[in-house]
């Protein structure tokens, strides 16, 4: 099949024309990552037979179209006005006067007759206004023409003032595409991304792909100082509000960078399926925080504060197991699922580090999963089974998985952390985690390994 996508920034739309095997029904995705009503953006759908004659088509539901006779060519427009909620703009396609994110997943019909396992057989041509640039990780067949193997993972960044840099990391080439004015320089953003990629590569001991892309854009609508991000395939889309302070803006940038770049490995570099967000999101929130500590982007007290905030945010997730909560995350609240998963990851990591005397950690589990289920591995296992199997291989093992992941659990944080030299107190509605003033040698060694610095600086006389 082949498609041509024409960007029309003046109207906030894209016009698409497709051709391929005869079809009489077309379906478009209507919701993604909690963003609903996407099918309503598809407008003016027309179909044509082999002689170019128009075939009557009716809309049977938002994003659902049916023709009276098979058509081999069709055309339509997609209204890409930015979503009302700023955070949703990282998840779906949108187009402004200056730039756009185009996700083929919500632009093309989901029932395309692609041959599974046959490689790239979808040809995509993109027509841009004069002076606009385009960047993607898809294989280029000709200028602004691409061969796409998986439209669900294909992302295109386009715009009139895009700036591109490149990071080389042990066989991984990552393009960094930036637009907008920031308190930090492009070089500082690239340096930060490079540090995160290097830390993740060293942790996994491998790269997830040969090519990747990081897109850093401002929100397409007015938004407070926040961020939203999504990783599809080997493309990280990161949208941010603007912070006047350079140090504040870099601190804001560091959190999504360490987290989203981790997704290039897990889950996007794995052949796993199913709803296992408790692991690839929640546990990754924890592991990204650990990486931030190693990179000196987060102090150990700040790390403990992040765990405490996650514990407070997770209090509503006691009636469901983590696996059940992941399956219902769009109805029960994904933030609470991820928060509780972060706390559970912390408890697991502490137990494993302590039991192995520092020889193993949660990072060991990630390396095992990536080595066993990296892209290209035979077969596709459910992510819940793969993650719980890997977590159950070592102490704390199967009992921990059953208690904290497979079954509903109310976490008594104070009793769980006390054996590791950490104390918990509640101040009003907030939890505080601190290092006990009296540590034994094993506790001190464990916490030092995790970033605790108990060196007392004596002022010079």
Protein backbone atom coordinates (compact mmCIF):
# COMPACT_ATOMS: atom_id res chain seq x y z
CA UNK A 1 0.00 0.00 0.00
CA UNK A 2 1.04 3.61 -0.42
CA UNK A 3 -0.03 6.87 1.21
CA UNK A 4 0.70 10.50 0.57
CA UNK A 5 0.35 12.89 3.50
CA UNK A 6 0.18 16.61 2.79
CA UNK A 7 0.70 18.96 5.75
CA UNK A 8 -1.59 22.03 5.74
CA UNK A 9 -0.43 24.12 8.71
CA UNK A 10 -2.61 27.12 7.84
CA UNK A 11 -5.73 25.02 8.46
CA UNK A 12 -4.28 22.70 11.10
CA UNK A 13 -5.01 19.65 8.95
CA UNK A 14 -3.33 16.96 6.93
CA UNK A 15 -4.76 15.64 3.66
CA UNK A 16 -4.15 11.95 2.93
CA UNK A 17 -4.51 9.87 -0.17
CA UNK A 18 -4.07 6.10 -0.13
CA UNK A 19 -4.09 3.30 -2.67
CA UNK A 20 -3.81 -0.46 -2.48
CA UNK A 21 -5.83 -3.66 -2.60
CA UNK A 22 -9.57 -3.15 -3.03
CA UNK A 23 -11.39 -2.58 0.25
CA UNK A 24 -14.87 -1.56 1.33
CA UNK A 25 -14.37 -0.84 5.06
CA UNK A 26 -11.90 1.42 6.85
CA UNK A 27 -11.45 1.78 10.60
CA UNK A 28 -9.40 4.39 12.46
CA UNK A 29 -8.29 4.29 16.08
CA UNK A 30 -10.70 6.21 18.32
CA UNK A 31 -8.72 6.21 21.58
CA UNK A 32 -5.10 5.93 22.62
CA UNK A 33 -3.46 6.24 26.04
CA UNK A 34 -6.63 7.72 27.52
CA UNK A 35 -7.11 10.21 24.67
CA UNK A 36 -10.60 9.62 23.24
CA UNK A 37 -12.57 10.86 20.23
CA UNK A 38 -9.71 10.48 17.74
CA UNK A 39 -12.03 8.98 15.12
CA UNK A 40 -14.03 12.21 15.00
CA UNK A 41 -11.00 13.96 13.48
CA UNK A 42 -11.36 11.99 10.21
CA UNK A 43 -13.31 14.09 7.71
CA UNK A 44 -14.29 14.11 4.03
CA UNK A 45 -13.63 10.42 3.37
CA UNK A 46 -13.97 9.57 -0.35
CA UNK A 47 -13.37 6.32 -2.28
CA UNK A 48 -12.70 5.61 -5.97
CA UNK A 49 -12.71 2.53 -8.17
CA UNK A 50 -10.05 1.48 -10.70
CA UNK A 51 -11.52 3.86 -13.29
CA UNK A 52 -11.38 6.84 -10.97
CA UNK A 53 -15.11 6.87 -10.41
CA UNK A 54 -16.22 7.97 -6.95
CA UNK A 55 -17.89 5.29 -4.85
CA UNK A 56 -20.58 6.26 -2.32
CA UNK A 57 -19.23 5.91 1.24
CA UNK A 58 -21.07 6.34 4.51
CA UNK A 59 -19.74 6.93 8.00
CA UNK A 60 -21.17 4.23 10.26
CA UNK A 61 -19.46 5.54 13.42
CA UNK A 62 -16.69 8.02 14.29
CA UNK A 63 -13.64 6.82 12.37
CA UNK A 64 -15.59 3.96 10.74
CA UNK A 65 -16.42 4.08 7.02
CA UNK A 66 -18.15 1.67 4.62
CA UNK A 67 -18.36 1.77 0.79
CA UNK A 68 -21.10 0.38 -1.44
CA UNK A 69 -18.43 -1.28 -3.60
CA UNK A 70 -14.70 -2.00 -3.18
CA UNK A 71 -12.39 0.98 -3.69
CA UNK A 72 -8.71 0.90 -4.63
CA UNK A 73 -8.04 4.57 -3.88
CA UNK A 74 -9.35 6.78 -1.11
CA UNK A 75 -8.71 10.20 0.38
CA UNK A 76 -9.60 12.08 3.53
CA UNK A 77 -8.47 14.85 5.87
CA UNK A 78 -7.56 14.74 9.54
CA UNK A 79 -8.21 17.72 11.79
CA UNK A 80 -5.02 17.96 13.83
CA UNK A 81 -5.92 20.79 16.18
CA UNK A 82 -3.90 20.21 19.38
CA UNK A 83 -5.87 18.33 22.06
CA UNK A 84 -7.49 20.36 24.82
CA UNK A 85 -5.42 18.73 27.55
CA UNK A 86 -1.77 19.70 27.09
CA UNK A 87 -0.38 16.37 28.33
CA UNK A 88 -2.27 14.52 25.57
CA UNK A 89 -0.24 16.24 22.86
CA UNK A 90 2.70 13.88 23.42
CA UNK A 91 0.47 10.88 22.72
CA UNK A 92 -1.26 11.76 19.43
CA UNK A 93 -0.72 13.62 16.17
CA UNK A 94 -1.13 17.39 16.02
CA UNK A 95 -0.20 20.24 13.69
CA UNK A 96 0.42 23.91 14.44
CA UNK A 97 1.60 26.75 12.22
CA UNK A 98 5.25 26.04 13.05
CA UNK A 99 5.64 22.34 13.76
CA UNK A 100 3.90 19.00 14.06
CA UNK A 101 4.12 15.47 15.38
CA UNK A 102 2.69 12.91 12.97
CA UNK A 103 1.99 9.43 14.37
CA UNK A 104 0.91 7.05 11.64
CA UNK A 105 -0.97 5.06 14.30
CA UNK A 106 -3.77 7.65 14.45
CA UNK A 107 -3.55 8.91 10.86
CA UNK A 108 -3.91 5.67 8.89
CA UNK A 109 -6.65 3.04 8.97
CA UNK A 110 -5.88 0.32 11.52
CA UNK A 111 -7.11 -2.45 9.18
CA UNK A 112 -4.43 -1.99 6.53
CA UNK A 113 -3.74 -5.23 4.58
CA UNK A 114 -0.06 -5.43 5.57
CA UNK A 115 1.76 -8.74 5.27
CA UNK A 116 2.87 -9.80 8.72
CA UNK A 117 6.57 -10.52 8.96
CA UNK A 118 7.28 -9.49 5.38
CA UNK A 119 9.19 -6.34 6.25
CA UNK A 120 8.37 -2.84 5.08
CA UNK A 121 5.59 -2.90 2.49
CA UNK A 122 3.92 0.40 3.33
CA UNK A 123 5.15 3.38 1.35
CA UNK A 124 4.63 6.82 2.88
CA UNK A 125 5.20 10.07 1.02
CA UNK A 126 5.04 13.36 2.94
CA UNK A 127 4.56 16.73 1.25
CA UNK A 128 5.59 19.77 3.28
CA UNK A 129 5.33 23.54 2.94
CA UNK A 130 8.40 25.29 1.57
CA UNK A 131 11.28 25.53 4.07
CA UNK A 132 9.82 22.86 6.36
CA UNK A 133 12.04 19.97 7.47
CA UNK A 134 11.25 16.36 8.36
CA UNK A 135 12.99 13.88 10.65
CA UNK A 136 12.16 10.26 11.43
CA UNK A 137 13.83 6.91 12.13
CA UNK A 138 11.91 5.22 9.30
CA UNK A 139 13.89 3.96 6.30
CA UNK A 140 14.07 6.58 3.57
CA UNK A 141 13.38 5.32 0.02
CA UNK A 142 13.52 8.73 -1.72
CA UNK A 143 13.34 12.40 -0.64
CA UNK A 144 10.39 12.61 1.78
CA UNK A 145 9.38 9.03 0.90
CA UNK A 146 9.70 6.20 3.41
CA UNK A 147 9.26 2.44 3.67
CA UNK A 148 7.45 1.67 6.92
CA UNK A 149 7.37 -1.78 8.50
CA UNK A 150 5.13 -0.98 11.48
CA UNK A 151 2.85 2.09 11.26
CA UNK A 152 1.97 1.76 14.96
CA UNK A 153 5.56 2.75 15.84
CA UNK A 154 6.26 5.29 13.06
CA UNK A 155 6.65 8.95 14.09
CA UNK A 156 7.55 11.99 11.96
CA UNK A 157 8.67 15.34 13.36
CA UNK A 158 8.15 18.21 10.94
CA UNK A 159 8.49 21.96 11.24
CA UNK A 160 9.79 25.21 9.82
CA UNK A 161 12.64 25.82 12.28
CA UNK A 162 13.82 22.40 13.45
CA UNK A 163 17.37 22.03 14.74
CA UNK A 164 19.11 18.63 14.63
CA UNK A 165 22.05 17.26 16.59
CA UNK A 166 23.30 13.70 16.94
CA UNK A 167 24.49 11.47 19.77
CA UNK A 168 26.72 8.46 19.09
CA UNK A 169 26.69 5.86 21.84
CA UNK A 170 28.44 2.54 21.26
CA UNK A 171 26.68 1.74 17.97
CA UNK A 172 23.50 3.70 18.68
CA UNK A 173 22.95 6.86 16.63
CA UNK A 174 20.35 9.10 18.26
CA UNK A 175 19.12 12.21 16.45
CA UNK A 176 18.05 15.04 18.75
CA UNK A 177 15.47 17.28 17.07
CA UNK A 178 14.70 20.53 18.92
CA UNK A 179 12.38 23.43 18.23
CA UNK A 180 11.45 26.47 20.30
CA UNK A 181 13.48 28.70 22.60
CA UNK A 182 14.61 27.32 25.94
CA UNK A 183 16.48 28.54 29.01
CA UNK A 184 19.19 25.99 28.21
CA UNK A 185 21.19 25.60 25.01
CA UNK A 186 20.72 22.79 22.51
CA UNK A 187 24.20 21.56 23.44
CA UNK A 188 23.22 21.28 27.11
CA UNK A 189 20.10 19.27 26.23
CA UNK A 190 22.10 16.99 23.97
CA UNK A 191 24.75 16.49 26.66
CA UNK A 192 22.09 15.54 29.19
CA UNK A 193 20.47 13.07 26.78
CA UNK A 194 23.87 11.58 26.00
CA UNK A 195 24.58 10.98 29.67
CA UNK A 196 21.23 9.24 30.12
CA UNK A 197 21.75 7.04 27.06
CA UNK A 198 25.23 6.11 28.22
CA UNK A 199 24.01 5.24 31.71
CA UNK A 200 21.25 3.01 30.33
CA UNK A 201 23.55 1.33 27.82
CA UNK A 202 26.07 0.56 30.57
CA UNK A 203 23.31 -0.81 32.79
CA UNK A 204 21.83 -3.10 30.10
CA UNK A 205 25.16 -3.95 28.53
CA UNK A 206 23.65 -3.55 25.05
CA UNK A 207 21.95 -1.06 22.76
CA UNK A 208 18.25 -1.43 21.81
CA UNK A 209 18.59 -0.35 18.18
CA UNK A 210 21.02 1.26 15.78
CA UNK A 211 18.90 4.40 15.29
CA UNK A 212 16.73 6.45 17.62
CA UNK A 213 15.29 9.94 17.75
CA UNK A 214 14.53 12.36 20.58
CA UNK A 215 12.10 15.17 19.74
CA UNK A 216 11.97 18.14 22.13
CA UNK A 217 9.15 20.58 21.35
CA UNK A 218 7.21 23.11 23.39
CA UNK A 219 3.56 22.29 24.02
CA UNK A 220 1.40 23.28 21.03
CA UNK A 221 -1.07 24.98 23.39
CA UNK A 222 -0.72 27.14 26.48
CA UNK A 223 0.49 24.99 29.37
CA UNK A 224 2.07 25.49 32.78
CA UNK A 225 5.63 24.42 33.54
CA UNK A 226 5.24 20.68 33.12
CA UNK A 227 6.19 17.94 30.72
CA UNK A 228 4.59 15.08 28.83
CA UNK A 229 6.31 12.34 26.86
CA UNK A 230 5.70 9.22 24.82
CA UNK A 231 8.08 6.66 23.33
CA UNK A 232 6.96 4.80 20.22
CA UNK A 233 9.35 2.41 18.56
CA UNK A 234 12.69 4.18 18.65
CA UNK A 235 11.28 7.72 18.86
CA UNK A 236 10.91 9.68 22.09
CA UNK A 237 8.52 12.65 21.86
CA UNK A 238 9.01 15.08 24.74
CA UNK A 239 6.90 18.22 25.16
CA UNK A 240 7.69 20.74 27.87
CA UNK A 241 6.49 24.01 29.31
CA UNK A 242 9.08 26.75 29.64
CA UNK A 243 10.89 27.51 32.88
CA UNK A 244 12.79 30.84 33.07
CA UNK A 245 15.69 29.48 35.15
CA UNK A 246 18.28 27.44 33.24
CA UNK A 247 18.99 25.20 36.23
CA UNK A 248 15.28 24.72 36.83
CA UNK A 249 14.63 23.93 33.18
CA UNK A 250 17.49 21.41 33.03
CA UNK A 251 16.23 19.79 36.23
CA UNK A 252 12.76 19.57 34.67
CA UNK A 253 14.26 18.08 31.50
CA UNK A 254 16.33 15.46 33.33
CA UNK A 255 13.32 13.56 34.74
CA UNK A 256 11.54 12.70 31.47
CA UNK A 257 14.84 12.18 29.64
CA UNK A 258 16.11 9.48 31.99
CA UNK A 259 12.68 7.83 32.07
CA UNK A 260 11.67 7.96 28.40
CA UNK A 261 15.09 7.06 26.98
CA UNK A 262 14.94 3.97 29.22
CA UNK A 263 11.85 2.94 27.23
CA UNK A 264 14.02 2.44 24.15
CA UNK A 265 15.14 -0.72 25.96
CA UNK A 266 12.03 -1.56 28.01
CA UNK A 267 9.45 -2.15 26.66
CA UNK A 268 10.20 -0.98 23.11
CA UNK A 269 13.28 -3.13 22.67
CA UNK A 270 11.48 -6.28 23.83
CA UNK A 271 9.23 -8.85 22.14
CA UNK A 272 6.71 -8.86 24.99
CA UNK A 273 2.99 -8.14 24.93
CA UNK A 274 0.11 -7.62 27.32
CA UNK A 275 -0.67 -5.01 29.97
CA UNK A 276 2.39 -5.01 32.18
CA UNK A 277 2.66 -1.26 32.75
CA UNK A 278 3.31 -1.87 36.45
CA UNK A 279 6.76 -3.06 35.32
CA UNK A 280 7.69 -1.13 32.21
CA UNK A 281 6.28 2.14 33.58
CA UNK A 282 6.17 1.89 37.37
CA UNK A 283 9.40 -0.04 37.89
CA UNK A 284 10.98 2.16 35.23
CA UNK A 285 10.04 5.29 37.19
CA UNK A 286 12.13 3.82 40.00
CA UNK A 287 15.01 2.74 37.77
CA UNK A 288 15.08 6.14 36.04
CA UNK A 289 15.36 7.77 39.48
CA UNK A 290 18.24 5.42 40.29
CA UNK A 291 19.95 6.46 37.05
CA UNK A 292 19.42 10.13 37.99
CA UNK A 293 21.19 9.50 41.30
CA UNK A 294 24.13 7.86 39.52
CA UNK A 295 24.34 10.83 37.14
CA UNK A 296 24.23 13.34 40.03
CA UNK A 297 20.95 14.72 38.71
CA UNK A 298 19.20 13.68 41.92
CA UNK A 299 20.56 13.58 45.47
CA UNK A 300 19.90 10.59 47.69
CA UNK A 301 17.54 12.61 49.97
CA UNK A 302 15.66 13.77 46.85
CA UNK A 303 15.45 10.16 45.72
CA UNK A 304 13.95 9.13 49.08
CA UNK A 305 11.50 12.04 48.81
CA UNK A 306 10.41 10.80 45.38
CA UNK A 307 9.69 7.34 46.83
CA UNK A 308 7.76 8.94 49.71
CA UNK A 309 5.63 10.98 47.29
CA UNK A 310 4.94 7.82 45.29
CA UNK A 311 3.84 6.04 48.47
CA UNK A 312 1.40 8.84 49.28
CA UNK A 313 0.03 8.78 45.73
CA UNK A 314 -0.42 5.00 45.83
CA UNK A 315 -2.69 4.78 48.86
CA UNK A 316 -5.78 4.31 46.70
CA UNK A 317 -4.34 1.21 44.99
CA UNK A 318 -4.86 -1.35 47.77
CA UNK A 319 -7.86 -3.33 46.52
CA UNK A 320 -6.23 -4.54 43.28
CA UNK A 321 -2.96 -6.28 42.53
CA UNK A 322 -0.40 -4.46 40.40
CA UNK A 323 -1.20 -6.76 37.48
CA UNK A 324 -4.95 -6.10 37.82
CA UNK A 325 -4.37 -2.37 38.17
CA UNK A 326 -2.33 -2.29 34.97
CA UNK A 327 -5.20 -3.84 33.05
CA UNK A 328 -7.55 -1.13 34.35
CA UNK A 329 -5.14 1.79 34.39
CA UNK A 330 -7.22 4.02 32.09
CA UNK A 331 -10.25 3.69 34.39
CA UNK A 332 -8.70 3.40 37.86
CA UNK A 333 -5.93 5.97 37.31
CA UNK A 334 -2.54 5.20 35.78
CA UNK A 335 -0.60 7.57 38.04
CA UNK A 336 -1.53 5.60 41.17
CA UNK A 337 -0.56 2.30 39.52
CA UNK A 338 2.83 3.65 38.53
CA UNK A 339 3.37 5.21 41.96
CA UNK A 340 2.71 1.99 43.83
CA UNK A 341 4.90 0.08 41.38
CA UNK A 342 7.75 2.48 42.11
CA UNK A 343 7.45 1.77 45.84
CA UNK A 344 7.34 -1.99 45.22
CA UNK A 345 10.41 -1.73 42.97
CA UNK A 346 12.25 0.06 45.80
CA UNK A 347 11.36 -2.69 48.28
CA UNK A 348 12.44 -5.40 45.84
CA UNK A 349 15.73 -3.66 45.08
CA UNK A 350 16.54 -3.23 48.77
CA UNK A 351 15.81 -6.87 49.53
CA UNK A 352 17.80 -8.22 46.59
CA UNK A 353 20.81 -5.98 47.25
CA UNK A 354 20.79 -6.93 50.93
CA UNK A 355 20.36 -10.68 50.36
CA UNK A 356 23.12 -10.79 47.74
CA UNK A 357 25.46 -8.48 49.71
CA UNK A 358 25.45 -6.00 46.85
CA UNK A 359 26.18 -8.53 44.10
CA UNK A 360 22.71 -8.27 42.55
CA UNK A 361 20.06 -5.58 42.18
CA UNK A 362 16.94 -4.73 40.18
CA UNK A 363 19.34 -3.81 37.38
CA UNK A 364 20.32 -7.49 37.26
CA UNK A 365 16.68 -8.34 36.55
CA UNK A 366 16.48 -5.78 33.75
CA UNK A 367 19.61 -7.18 32.14
CA UNK A 368 18.15 -10.70 32.31
CA UNK A 369 14.88 -9.61 30.71
CA UNK A 370 16.59 -7.68 27.93
CA UNK A 371 19.02 -10.51 27.20
CA UNK A 372 16.18 -13.05 27.05
CA UNK A 373 13.47 -11.07 25.29
CA UNK A 374 15.27 -8.46 23.18
CA UNK A 375 13.80 -7.63 19.77
CA UNK A 376 14.63 -10.43 17.38
CA UNK A 377 14.25 -13.14 20.02
CA UNK A 378 12.04 -16.07 19.09
CA UNK A 379 8.40 -15.87 20.11
CA UNK A 380 6.47 -13.33 22.12
CA UNK A 381 5.66 -13.92 25.79
CA UNK A 382 3.17 -12.05 27.94
CA UNK A 383 5.02 -9.25 29.70
CA UNK A 384 3.51 -10.05 33.09
CA UNK A 385 4.86 -13.60 32.95
CA UNK A 386 8.28 -12.54 31.69
CA UNK A 387 8.68 -9.85 34.36
CA UNK A 388 7.42 -11.96 37.27
CA UNK A 389 9.58 -14.91 36.18
CA UNK A 390 12.69 -12.72 36.10
CA UNK A 391 11.86 -11.11 39.46
CA UNK A 392 11.28 -14.55 40.98
CA UNK A 393 14.67 -15.98 40.01
CA UNK A 394 16.52 -14.49 42.98
CA UNK A 395 15.76 -13.45 46.53
CA UNK A 396 13.32 -11.96 47.42
CA UNK A 397 11.90 -14.26 44.71
CA UNK A 398 8.54 -15.91 44.32
CA UNK A 399 7.16 -14.97 47.74
CA UNK A 400 7.75 -11.29 47.02
CA UNK A 401 6.12 -11.53 43.58
CA UNK A 402 3.08 -13.25 45.04
CA UNK A 403 2.73 -10.84 47.96
CA UNK A 404 3.41 -7.51 46.25
CA UNK A 405 2.62 -8.04 42.55
CA UNK A 406 0.16 -10.87 42.02
CA UNK A 407 -2.00 -10.16 45.10
CA UNK A 408 -3.52 -6.94 46.49
CA UNK A 409 -1.36 -5.55 49.29
CA UNK A 410 -1.37 -2.69 51.74
CA UNK A 411 2.24 -1.67 52.26
CA UNK A 412 3.42 -0.96 55.79
CA UNK A 413 6.28 1.23 54.66
CA UNK A 414 7.83 1.77 58.10
CA UNK A 415 8.17 -1.95 58.84
CA UNK A 416 9.37 -2.74 55.31
CA UNK A 417 12.15 -0.13 55.39
CA UNK A 418 13.31 -0.47 59.00
CA UNK A 419 15.60 -3.51 58.35
CA UNK A 420 17.54 -1.44 55.83
CA UNK A 421 18.27 1.52 58.11
CA UNK A 422 15.50 3.77 56.84
CA UNK A 423 12.86 5.36 59.03
CA UNK A 424 9.43 6.63 58.04
CA UNK A 425 7.39 9.38 59.60
CA UNK A 426 4.12 11.05 58.65
CA UNK A 427 3.92 14.83 58.77
CA UNK A 428 0.32 15.86 58.21
CA UNK A 429 -0.73 14.01 55.06
CA UNK A 430 2.81 13.56 53.79
CA UNK A 431 5.26 10.73 54.27
CA UNK A 432 8.93 11.35 54.93
CA UNK A 433 11.72 8.77 54.51
CA UNK A 434 15.08 9.41 56.14
CA UNK A 435 18.23 7.50 56.98
CA UNK A 436 18.40 6.26 60.56
CA UNK A 437 21.12 7.99 62.57
CA UNK A 438 22.33 4.64 63.90
CA UNK A 439 23.23 2.23 61.10
CA UNK A 440 24.97 -1.10 61.33
CA UNK A 441 27.72 -1.90 58.83
CA UNK A 442 25.52 -3.86 56.43
CA UNK A 443 22.89 -1.11 56.36
CA UNK A 444 25.50 1.57 55.82
CA UNK A 445 27.16 -0.37 52.98
CA UNK A 446 23.79 -0.97 51.32
CA UNK A 447 22.71 2.66 51.44
CA UNK A 448 26.11 3.91 50.31
CA UNK A 449 25.84 1.60 47.32
CA UNK A 450 22.53 3.28 46.49
CA UNK A 451 23.96 6.80 46.70
CA UNK A 452 23.87 7.67 50.40
CA UNK A 453 26.75 9.91 51.41
CA UNK A 454 27.38 9.97 55.16
CA UNK A 455 30.78 11.62 55.01
CA UNK A 456 30.92 14.39 57.57
CA UNK A 457 32.78 17.41 56.31
CA UNK A 458 34.83 19.03 59.07
CA UNK A 459 35.36 22.75 58.45
CA UNK A 460 38.93 23.91 58.28
CA UNK A 461 40.15 25.88 61.31
